[in-house]
Amino acid sequence: MVAFAAGPPGERQVVQCTVCYSLARALSTGAVTRLRHADHTCWPDNLPDCSCFPSAHRMEAFLTATLLHEQFR
């Protein structure tokens, strides 16, 4: 992470931040996967893949933004 090398000091060290991010990502990915299997929302164009909600991309963006906010506020 470039922020650790050139940015303001954060609340956690690099290893602590990496462990926190890894655990949070594993929990979030598990939650999104379970919700996808329970929800069965299909794409609007009737593709056979009914695992479009919730979005893993959106989960990843919010997770990263939240952890960076907590690290460098």
Protein backbone atom coordinates (compact mmCIF):
# COMPACT_ATOMS: atom_id res chain seq x y z
CA MET A 1 0.00 0.00 0.00
CA VAL A 2 1.43 3.30 -1.09
CA ALA A 3 -0.35 5.17 1.71
CA PHE A 4 1.83 3.43 4.27
CA ALA A 5 5.02 4.52 2.51
CA ALA A 6 4.15 8.14 1.72
CA GLY A 7 0.97 9.05 3.55
CA PRO A 8 0.01 10.10 7.03
CA PRO A 9 0.53 7.61 9.84
CA GLY A 10 -2.44 5.35 10.39
CA GLU A 11 -3.93 3.78 13.48
CA ARG A 12 -2.58 0.31 12.68
CA GLN A 13 0.73 -1.02 11.42
CA VAL A 14 0.99 -2.66 7.99
CA VAL A 15 0.61 -6.23 9.28
CA GLN A 16 -2.34 -5.36 11.52
CA CYS A 17 -4.09 -3.52 8.68
CA THR A 18 -3.49 -6.43 6.30
CA VAL A 19 -4.90 -8.96 8.78
CA CYS A 20 -7.91 -6.74 9.47
CA TYR A 21 -8.56 -6.30 5.73
CA SER A 22 -8.20 -10.03 5.06
CA LEU A 23 -10.62 -11.01 7.82
CA ALA A 24 -13.15 -8.35 6.83
CA ARG A 25 -12.96 -9.41 3.19
CA ALA A 26 -13.45 -13.07 4.04
CA LEU A 27 -16.49 -12.29 6.19
CA SER A 28 -17.98 -9.95 3.58
CA THR A 29 -17.42 -12.38 0.73
CA GLY A 30 -19.07 -15.14 2.73
CA ALA A 31 -22.07 -12.92 3.50
CA VAL A 32 -22.46 -11.82 -0.13
CA THR A 33 -22.21 -15.41 -1.37
CA ARG A 34 -24.88 -16.60 1.08
CA LEU A 35 -27.17 -13.70 0.16
CA ARG A 36 -26.74 -14.42 -3.55
CA HIS A 37 -27.79 -18.04 -3.09
CA ALA A 38 -30.77 -17.03 -0.94
CA ASP A 39 -32.02 -14.14 -3.10
CA HIS A 40 -32.00 -15.54 -6.67
CA THR A 41 -32.36 -12.14 -8.32
CA CYS A 42 -31.85 -12.57 -12.07
CA TRP A 43 -30.45 -10.12 -14.57
CA PRO A 44 -33.03 -8.01 -16.44
CA ASP A 45 -32.18 -9.62 -19.80
CA ASN A 46 -33.18 -13.11 -18.52
CA LEU A 47 -29.73 -14.65 -18.44
CA PRO A 48 -29.69 -18.02 -16.65
CA ASP A 49 -27.24 -16.71 -14.04
CA CYS A 50 -29.34 -15.60 -11.06
CA SER A 51 -26.50 -14.42 -8.84
CA CYS A 52 -26.35 -10.73 -9.63
CA PHE A 53 -27.46 -9.32 -6.28
CA PRO A 54 -25.78 -8.27 -4.06
CA SER A 55 -22.82 -6.98 -6.02
CA ALA A 56 -19.41 -8.29 -5.03
CA HIS A 57 -17.81 -5.26 -6.69
CA ARG A 58 -19.87 -2.89 -4.56
CA MET A 59 -19.08 -4.89 -1.42
CA GLU A 60 -15.37 -4.67 -2.17
CA ALA A 61 -15.54 -0.91 -2.80
CA PHE A 62 -17.42 -0.18 0.43
CA LEU A 63 -15.20 -2.51 2.45
CA THR A 64 -12.02 -0.86 1.19
CA ALA A 65 -13.39 2.66 1.65
CA THR A 66 -14.54 1.90 5.19
CA LEU A 67 -11.23 0.33 6.23
CA LEU A 68 -9.21 3.19 4.74
CA HIS A 69 -11.46 5.71 6.48
CA GLU A 70 -10.97 3.92 9.81
CA GLN A 71 -7.22 3.67 9.24
CA PHE A 72 -6.53 7.29 8.26
CA ARG A 73 -9.18 9.45 9.91
